[in-house]
Amino acid sequence: MARHVLVVEDNFDQAELLALNLRDLDCCVEHARDGRTGLELALSGRFDLMILDLVLPGLDGLEVCKRLRQHDGAVPVLMVTCRSTEVDRVLGLELGADDYITKPFNLRELLARVKIAFRRTEFYKNGGQPERSVVRAGRIEINVGERGVLVGGEPVELTAREFDLLLHFAKHPARVFTRVQLLDQVWGYAHDGYEHTVNSHINRLRGKIEVDPRNPEFIKTVWGVGYKFTG
């Protein structure tokens, strides 16, 4: 079954290159050249992935991502931009992007990340049932089949990547993971320089599941090593 990808990119040649390679992955590709059009298309709910440039006419990529996440927490967002500062990367992730890659990027690396995103959304859309459909950890209840999370009985909306990260932690309580291990086991790749991605997602996840994110009950920092989960 073909996947549907929305490419929001004002550079026509760049968008055509992405579309050409995505079609080789049996994708149906739609292209928007400005942020406002991209947001309207994304909110239609028919896409498996959104590849979003940061610098766009109209609404920039950060604002598009922010508004999208206010309405849809499921569709993965891969942010692509020529900006490479730590502030820009972290801000994009804080606003709900699932992944981030800077221009000029290695096309094979980008396509590898696209495939990883597809594997997650395919399971989500097909309603596949894992061996354990519900994972409980203290006040947290994770419905794996429906990809839903309750904290203290109240629903919490997570992005696709936040859900995968929480589920990975909950399935391995008390185990300490380095940032590189989390990149490899949750994101599906481990490259030097992307550890900030883990930090940003954990900060956002804490903000959604912890009573006091500065004094976390569930996701604890193991200084000099990484993180562990206590349920």
C-alpha atoms as a PDB file:
ATOM      1  CA  MET A   1       0.000   0.000   0.000  1.00  0.00           C
ATOM      2  CA  ALA A   2       1.394   3.395  -0.984  1.00  0.00           C
ATOM      3  CA  ARG A   3       2.225   5.831   1.785  1.00  0.00           C
ATOM      4  CA  HIS A   4       1.250   9.480   1.532  1.00  0.00           C
ATOM      5  CA  VAL A   5       3.932  12.068   2.137  1.00  0.00           C
ATOM      6  CA  LEU A   6       3.543  15.822   2.301  1.00  0.00           C
ATOM      7  CA  VAL A   7       6.667  17.803   1.367  1.00  0.00           C
ATOM      8  CA  VAL A   8       6.527  21.443   2.470  1.00  0.00           C
ATOM      9  CA  GLU A   9       9.481  23.099   0.747  1.00  0.00           C
ATOM     10  CA  ASP A  10       9.713  26.416  -1.097  1.00  0.00           C
ATOM     11  CA  ASN A  11      12.707  25.314  -3.185  1.00  0.00           C
ATOM     12  CA  PHE A  12      11.104  23.606  -6.171  1.00  0.00           C
ATOM     13  CA  ASP A  13      14.234  21.691  -7.251  1.00  0.00           C
ATOM     14  CA  GLN A  14      14.778  20.386  -3.714  1.00  0.00           C
ATOM     15  CA  ALA A  15      11.157  19.308  -3.467  1.00  0.00           C
ATOM     16  CA  GLU A  16      11.326  17.534  -6.848  1.00  0.00           C
ATOM     17  CA  LEU A  17      14.452  15.649  -5.778  1.00  0.00           C
ATOM     18  CA  LEU A  18      12.742  14.501  -2.587  1.00  0.00           C
ATOM     19  CA  ALA A  19       9.583  13.539  -4.467  1.00  0.00           C
ATOM     20  CA  LEU A  20      11.535  11.546  -7.050  1.00  0.00           C
ATOM     21  CA  ASN A  21      13.269   9.474  -4.381  1.00  0.00           C
ATOM     22  CA  LEU A  22      10.133   9.072  -2.280  1.00  0.00           C
ATOM     23  CA  ARG A  23       8.249   7.716  -5.287  1.00  0.00           C
ATOM     24  CA  ASP A  24      10.942   5.045  -5.534  1.00  0.00           C
ATOM     25  CA  LEU A  25       9.714   3.989  -2.084  1.00  0.00           C
ATOM     26  CA  ASP A  26       6.188   3.664  -3.523  1.00  0.00           C
ATOM     27  CA  CYS A  27       5.015   6.931  -1.973  1.00  0.00           C
ATOM     28  CA  CYS A  28       2.325   9.303  -3.127  1.00  0.00           C
ATOM     29  CA  VAL A  29       3.815  12.772  -2.731  1.00  0.00           C
ATOM     30  CA  GLU A  30       2.098  16.136  -2.441  1.00  0.00           C
ATOM     31  CA  HIS A  31       4.046  19.373  -2.451  1.00  0.00           C
ATOM     32  CA  ALA A  32       3.298  22.700  -0.784  1.00  0.00           C
ATOM     33  CA  ARG A  33       5.545  25.715  -1.396  1.00  0.00           C
ATOM     34  CA  ASP A  34       4.484  27.810   1.596  1.00  0.00           C
ATOM     35  CA  GLY A  35       3.709  27.194   5.232  1.00  0.00           C
ATOM     36  CA  ARG A  36       0.044  28.130   5.233  1.00  0.00           C
ATOM     37  CA  THR A  37      -0.807  25.773   2.369  1.00  0.00           C
ATOM     38  CA  GLY A  38       1.284  23.049   3.968  1.00  0.00           C
ATOM     39  CA  LEU A  39      -0.565  23.389   7.261  1.00  0.00           C
ATOM     40  CA  GLU A  40      -3.969  23.224   5.563  1.00  0.00           C
ATOM     41  CA  LEU A  41      -2.974  20.057   3.728  1.00  0.00           C
ATOM     42  CA  ALA A  42      -1.439  18.490   6.842  1.00  0.00           C
ATOM     43  CA  LEU A  43      -4.620  19.049   8.824  1.00  0.00           C
ATOM     44  CA  SER A  44      -6.548  16.966   6.292  1.00  0.00           C
ATOM     45  CA  GLY A  45      -5.252  13.899   8.136  1.00  0.00           C
ATOM     46  CA  ARG A  46      -4.417  11.834   5.055  1.00  0.00           C
ATOM     47  CA  PHE A  47      -0.608  11.789   5.363  1.00  0.00           C
ATOM     48  CA  ASP A  48       1.751   9.215   6.843  1.00  0.00           C
ATOM     49  CA  LEU A  49       4.644  11.676   7.049  1.00  0.00           C
ATOM     50  CA  MET A  50       5.305  15.382   6.722  1.00  0.00           C
ATOM     51  CA  ILE A  51       8.731  16.575   5.544  1.00  0.00           C
ATOM     52  CA  LEU A  52       8.846  20.192   6.613  1.00  0.00           C
ATOM     53  CA  ASP A  53      11.339  22.898   5.718  1.00  0.00           C
ATOM     54  CA  LEU A  54      12.031  25.433   8.461  1.00  0.00           C
ATOM     55  CA  VAL A  55      12.368  28.577   6.345  1.00  0.00           C
ATOM     56  CA  LEU A  56       9.122  29.089   4.401  1.00  0.00           C
ATOM     57  CA  PRO A  57       7.097  32.003   3.066  1.00  0.00           C
ATOM     58  CA  GLY A  58       3.953  32.823   5.000  1.00  0.00           C
ATOM     59  CA  LEU A  59       4.177  30.636   8.098  1.00  0.00           C
ATOM     60  CA  ASP A  60       7.641  29.309   8.910  1.00  0.00           C
ATOM     61  CA  GLY A  61       8.189  25.647   9.686  1.00  0.00           C
ATOM     62  CA  LEU A  62       8.273  26.175  13.443  1.00  0.00           C
ATOM     63  CA  GLU A  63       4.855  27.824  13.420  1.00  0.00           C
ATOM     64  CA  VAL A  64       3.463  25.149  11.085  1.00  0.00           C
ATOM     65  CA  CYS A  65       4.687  22.416  13.426  1.00  0.00           C
ATOM     66  CA  LYS A  66       3.310  24.205  16.485  1.00  0.00           C
ATOM     67  CA  ARG A  67      -0.170  24.653  14.963  1.00  0.00           C
ATOM     68  CA  LEU A  68      -0.226  21.112  13.602  1.00  0.00           C
ATOM     69  CA  ARG A  69       0.544  19.650  17.018  1.00  0.00           C
ATOM     70  CA  GLN A  70      -2.330  21.606  18.517  1.00  0.00           C
ATOM     71  CA  HIS A  71      -4.675  19.530  16.336  1.00  0.00           C
ATOM     72  CA  ASP A  72      -2.816  16.327  15.419  1.00  0.00           C
ATOM     73  CA  GLY A  73      -0.293  14.536  17.589  1.00  0.00           C
ATOM     74  CA  ALA A  74       0.095  11.434  15.447  1.00  0.00           C
ATOM     75  CA  VAL A  75       1.552  12.299  12.034  1.00  0.00           C
ATOM     76  CA  PRO A  76       5.371  12.188  12.160  1.00  0.00           C
ATOM     77  CA  VAL A  77       7.143  15.418  11.234  1.00  0.00           C
ATOM     78  CA  LEU A  78      10.666  15.353   9.795  1.00  0.00           C
ATOM     79  CA  MET A  79      12.055  18.876   9.841  1.00  0.00           C
ATOM     80  CA  VAL A  80      14.593  19.750   7.141  1.00  0.00           C
ATOM     81  CA  THR A  81      16.456  23.053   7.138  1.00  0.00           C
ATOM     82  CA  CYS A  82      19.675  24.844   6.363  1.00  0.00           C
ATOM     83  CA  ARG A  83      19.819  26.146   9.918  1.00  0.00           C
ATOM     84  CA  SER A  84      22.079  24.075  12.117  1.00  0.00           C
ATOM     85  CA  THR A  85      22.403  25.894  15.427  1.00  0.00           C
ATOM     86  CA  GLU A  86      21.570  24.048  18.632  1.00  0.00           C
ATOM     87  CA  VAL A  87      18.818  26.572  19.423  1.00  0.00           C
ATOM     88  CA  ASP A  88      17.033  25.985  16.121  1.00  0.00           C
ATOM     89  CA  ARG A  89      17.265  22.214  16.441  1.00  0.00           C
ATOM     90  CA  VAL A  90      15.987  22.111  19.992  1.00  0.00           C
ATOM     91  CA  LEU A  91      13.192  24.622  19.318  1.00  0.00           C
ATOM     92  CA  GLY A  92      11.930  22.548  16.405  1.00  0.00           C
ATOM     93  CA  LEU A  93      11.868  19.427  18.554  1.00  0.00           C
ATOM     94  CA  GLU A  94      10.265  21.244  21.469  1.00  0.00           C
ATOM     95  CA  LEU A  95       7.421  22.324  19.179  1.00  0.00           C
ATOM     96  CA  GLY A  96       6.707  18.740  18.181  1.00  0.00           C
ATOM     97  CA  ALA A  97       8.965  17.685  15.317  1.00  0.00           C
ATOM     98  CA  ASP A  98       9.817  13.990  15.528  1.00  0.00           C
ATOM     99  CA  ASP A  99      13.151  14.283  13.803  1.00  0.00           C
ATOM    100  CA  TYR A 100      15.515  16.891  12.400  1.00  0.00           C
ATOM    101  CA  ILE A 101      18.077  16.883   9.612  1.00  0.00           C
ATOM    102  CA  THR A 102      20.116  19.794   8.256  1.00  0.00           C
ATOM    103  CA  LYS A 103      20.968  20.783   4.704  1.00  0.00           C
ATOM    104  CA  PRO A 104      22.994  19.700   2.888  1.00  0.00           C
ATOM    105  CA  PHE A 105      21.868  16.249   3.975  1.00  0.00           C
ATOM    106  CA  ASN A 106      22.823  12.780   2.877  1.00  0.00           C
ATOM    107  CA  LEU A 107      19.845  11.532   0.866  1.00  0.00           C
ATOM    108  CA  ARG A 108      20.342   7.936   1.964  1.00  0.00           C
ATOM    109  CA  GLU A 109      20.252   9.016   5.601  1.00  0.00           C
ATOM    110  CA  LEU A 110      17.045  10.983   5.069  1.00  0.00           C
ATOM    111  CA  LEU A 111      15.377   8.052   3.299  1.00  0.00           C
ATOM    112  CA  ALA A 112      16.439   5.728   6.116  1.00  0.00           C
ATOM    113  CA  ARG A 113      14.663   7.991   8.589  1.00  0.00           C
ATOM    114  CA  VAL A 114      11.606   8.087   6.345  1.00  0.00           C
ATOM    115  CA  LYS A 115      11.446   4.284   6.360  1.00  0.00           C
ATOM    116  CA  ILE A 116      11.641   4.221  10.157  1.00  0.00           C
ATOM    117  CA  ALA A 117       8.751   6.678  10.383  1.00  0.00           C
ATOM    118  CA  PHE A 118       6.723   4.520   8.006  1.00  0.00           C
ATOM    119  CA  ARG A 119       7.211   1.437  10.159  1.00  0.00           C
ATOM    120  CA  ARG A 120       5.700   3.271  13.115  1.00  0.00           C
ATOM    121  CA  THR A 121       2.741   4.729  11.229  1.00  0.00           C
ATOM    122  CA  GLU A 122       2.023   1.431   9.472  1.00  0.00           C
ATOM    123  CA  PHE A 123       1.546  -0.305  12.806  1.00  0.00           C
ATOM    124  CA  TYR A 124      -0.553   2.611  14.070  1.00  0.00           C
ATOM    125  CA  LYS A 125      -2.853   2.741  11.027  1.00  0.00           C
ATOM    126  CA  ASN A 126      -3.280  -1.034  10.729  1.00  0.00           C
ATOM    127  CA  GLY A 127      -4.236  -1.390  14.390  1.00  0.00           C
ATOM    128  CA  GLY A 128      -1.822  -4.266  14.918  1.00  0.00           C
ATOM    129  CA  GLN A 129      -1.940  -5.952  18.319  1.00  0.00           C
ATOM    130  CA  PRO A 130       1.342  -6.635  20.120  1.00  0.00           C
ATOM    131  CA  GLU A 131       1.919  -9.436  22.612  1.00  0.00           C
ATOM    132  CA  ARG A 132       1.017  -7.113  25.476  1.00  0.00           C
ATOM    133  CA  SER A 133      -1.696  -4.664  24.501  1.00  0.00           C
ATOM    134  CA  VAL A 134      -1.458  -2.647  27.737  1.00  0.00           C
ATOM    135  CA  VAL A 135       1.665  -1.710  29.670  1.00  0.00           C
ATOM    136  CA  ARG A 136       1.242  -0.235  33.153  1.00  0.00           C
ATOM    137  CA  ALA A 137       3.833   1.629  35.162  1.00  0.00           C
ATOM    138  CA  GLY A 138       2.606   3.283  38.327  1.00  0.00           C
ATOM    139  CA  ARG A 139       0.042   5.938  37.387  1.00  0.00           C
ATOM    140  CA  ILE A 140       0.806   5.478  33.687  1.00  0.00           C
ATOM    141  CA  GLU A 141      -1.230   3.168  31.462  1.00  0.00           C
ATOM    142  CA  ILE A 142      -0.076   2.643  27.876  1.00  0.00           C
ATOM    143  CA  ASN A 143      -2.485   1.077  25.399  1.00  0.00           C
ATOM    144  CA  VAL A 144      -0.068  -0.160  22.770  1.00  0.00           C
ATOM    145  CA  GLY A 145      -2.611  -1.227  20.178  1.00  0.00           C
ATOM    146  CA  GLU A 146      -4.470   2.092  20.256  1.00  0.00           C
ATOM    147  CA  ARG A 147      -1.304   4.087  21.006  1.00  0.00           C
ATOM    148  CA  GLY A 148      -3.057   5.867  23.830  1.00  0.00           C
ATOM    149  CA  VAL A 149      -1.662   6.983  27.192  1.00  0.00           C
ATOM    150  CA  LEU A 150      -3.419   7.663  30.487  1.00  0.00           C
ATOM    151  CA  VAL A 151      -1.645   9.320  33.405  1.00  0.00           C
ATOM    152  CA  GLY A 152      -3.627   9.124  36.618  1.00  0.00           C
ATOM    153  CA  GLY A 153      -6.647   8.142  34.536  1.00  0.00           C
ATOM    154  CA  GLU A 154      -6.431  11.238  32.347  1.00  0.00           C
ATOM    155  CA  PRO A 155      -5.567  10.994  28.626  1.00  0.00           C
ATOM    156  CA  VAL A 156      -2.279  12.539  27.534  1.00  0.00           C
ATOM    157  CA  GLU A 157      -1.627  13.334  23.881  1.00  0.00           C
ATOM    158  CA  LEU A 158       1.859  12.355  22.718  1.00  0.00           C
ATOM    159  CA  THR A 159       3.563  12.606  19.371  1.00  0.00           C
ATOM    160  CA  ALA A 160       4.493   9.350  17.648  1.00  0.00           C
ATOM    161  CA  ARG A 161       8.105   9.624  18.783  1.00  0.00           C
ATOM    162  CA  GLU A 162       7.192  10.561  22.359  1.00  0.00           C
ATOM    163  CA  PHE A 163       4.918   7.517  22.526  1.00  0.00           C
ATOM    164  CA  ASP A 164       7.649   5.198  21.247  1.00  0.00           C
ATOM    165  CA  LEU A 165      10.123   6.637  23.745  1.00  0.00           C
ATOM    166  CA  LEU A 166       7.749   6.245  26.702  1.00  0.00           C
ATOM    167  CA  LEU A 167       6.826   2.697  25.684  1.00  0.00           C
ATOM    168  CA  HIS A 168      10.492   1.740  25.373  1.00  0.00           C
ATOM    169  CA  PHE A 169      11.198   3.077  28.849  1.00  0.00           C
ATOM    170  CA  ALA A 170       8.125   1.409  30.378  1.00  0.00           C
ATOM    171  CA  LYS A 171       9.083  -1.963  28.916  1.00  0.00           C
ATOM    172  CA  HIS A 172      12.541  -1.716  30.496  1.00  0.00           C
ATOM    173  CA  PRO A 173      12.006  -0.298  34.000  1.00  0.00           C
ATOM    174  CA  ALA A 174      15.105   0.584  36.022  1.00  0.00           C
ATOM    175  CA  ARG A 175      17.419  -0.036  33.066  1.00  0.00           C
ATOM    176  CA  VAL A 176      19.820   2.798  32.336  1.00  0.00           C
ATOM    177  CA  PHE A 177      20.070   3.870  28.686  1.00  0.00           C
ATOM    178  CA  THR A 178      22.661   6.149  27.164  1.00  0.00           C
ATOM    179  CA  ARG A 179      21.504   8.719  24.646  1.00  0.00           C
ATOM    180  CA  VAL A 180      23.194   6.791  21.845  1.00  0.00           C
ATOM    181  CA  GLN A 181      21.376   3.600  22.880  1.00  0.00           C
ATOM    182  CA  LEU A 182      18.039   5.415  22.823  1.00  0.00           C
ATOM    183  CA  LEU A 183      18.785   6.846  19.395  1.00  0.00           C
ATOM    184  CA  ASP A 184      19.582   3.366  18.133  1.00  0.00           C
ATOM    185  CA  GLN A 185      16.678   1.534  19.787  1.00  0.00           C
ATOM    186  CA  VAL A 186      13.881   4.127  19.521  1.00  0.00           C
ATOM    187  CA  TRP A 187      14.871   6.291  16.551  1.00  0.00           C
ATOM    188  CA  GLY A 188      16.513   3.447  14.651  1.00  0.00           C
ATOM    189  CA  TYR A 189      19.819   5.194  14.040  1.00  0.00           C
ATOM    190  CA  ALA A 190      22.715   6.521  16.091  1.00  0.00           C
ATOM    191  CA  HIS A 191      24.813   9.347  14.696  1.00  0.00           C
ATOM    192  CA  ASP A 192      27.238  11.581  16.536  1.00  0.00           C
ATOM    193  CA  GLY A 193      25.819  15.009  17.223  1.00  0.00           C
ATOM    194  CA  TYR A 194      22.159  13.973  17.542  1.00  0.00           C
ATOM    195  CA  GLU A 195      22.114  13.317  21.291  1.00  0.00           C
ATOM    196  CA  HIS A 196      20.315  16.656  21.719  1.00  0.00           C
ATOM    197  CA  THR A 197      17.335  15.020  20.005  1.00  0.00           C
ATOM    198  CA  VAL A 198      16.985  12.616  22.940  1.00  0.00           C
ATOM    199  CA  ASN A 199      17.333  15.404  25.503  1.00  0.00           C
ATOM    200  CA  SER A 200      14.652  17.505  23.833  1.00  0.00           C
ATOM    201  CA  HIS A 201      12.141  14.672  23.522  1.00  0.00           C
ATOM    202  CA  ILE A 202      12.651  13.625  27.130  1.00  0.00           C
ATOM    203  CA  ASN A 203      12.088  17.208  28.289  1.00  0.00           C
ATOM    204  CA  ARG A 204       8.833  17.383  26.310  1.00  0.00           C
ATOM    205  CA  LEU A 205       7.749  13.957  27.537  1.00  0.00           C
ATOM    206  CA  ARG A 206       8.416  14.931  31.148  1.00  0.00           C
ATOM    207  CA  GLY A 207       6.325  18.047  30.632  1.00  0.00           C
ATOM    208  CA  LYS A 208       3.363  15.850  29.686  1.00  0.00           C
ATOM    209  CA  ILE A 209       3.585  12.945  32.158  1.00  0.00           C
ATOM    210  CA  GLU A 210       5.308  14.356  35.243  1.00  0.00           C
ATOM    211  CA  VAL A 211       3.622  16.340  38.009  1.00  0.00           C
ATOM    212  CA  ASP A 212       6.848  18.307  38.451  1.00  0.00           C
ATOM    213  CA  PRO A 213       9.117  17.941  35.386  1.00  0.00           C
ATOM    214  CA  ARG A 214      12.022  19.482  37.338  1.00  0.00           C
ATOM    215  CA  ASN A 215      11.739  16.695  39.906  1.00  0.00           C
ATOM    216  CA  PRO A 216      10.631  13.754  37.743  1.00  0.00           C
ATOM    217  CA  GLU A 217       8.931  10.706  39.192  1.00  0.00           C
ATOM    218  CA  PHE A 218       9.244   8.477  36.124  1.00  0.00           C
ATOM    219  CA  ILE A 219      12.079   9.473  33.785  1.00  0.00           C
ATOM    220  CA  LYS A 220      15.167  10.117  35.852  1.00  0.00           C
ATOM    221  CA  THR A 221      18.550  11.426  34.745  1.00  0.00           C
ATOM    222  CA  VAL A 222      21.549   9.267  35.585  1.00  0.00           C
ATOM    223  CA  TRP A 223      24.266  11.893  35.556  1.00  0.00           C
ATOM    224  CA  GLY A 224      27.158  11.146  33.255  1.00  0.00           C
ATOM    225  CA  VAL A 225      25.357   8.157  31.721  1.00  0.00           C
ATOM    226  CA  GLY A 226      21.828   8.791  30.443  1.00  0.00           C
ATOM    227  CA  TYR A 227      18.284   8.066  31.644  1.00  0.00           C
ATOM    228  CA  LYS A 228      16.241   5.407  33.374  1.00  0.00           C
ATOM    229  CA  PHE A 229      12.537   4.833  33.983  1.00  0.00           C
ATOM    230  CA  THR A 230      10.992   4.088  37.369  1.00  0.00           C
ATOM    231  CA  GLY A 231       7.338   3.107  37.427  1.00  0.00           C
END
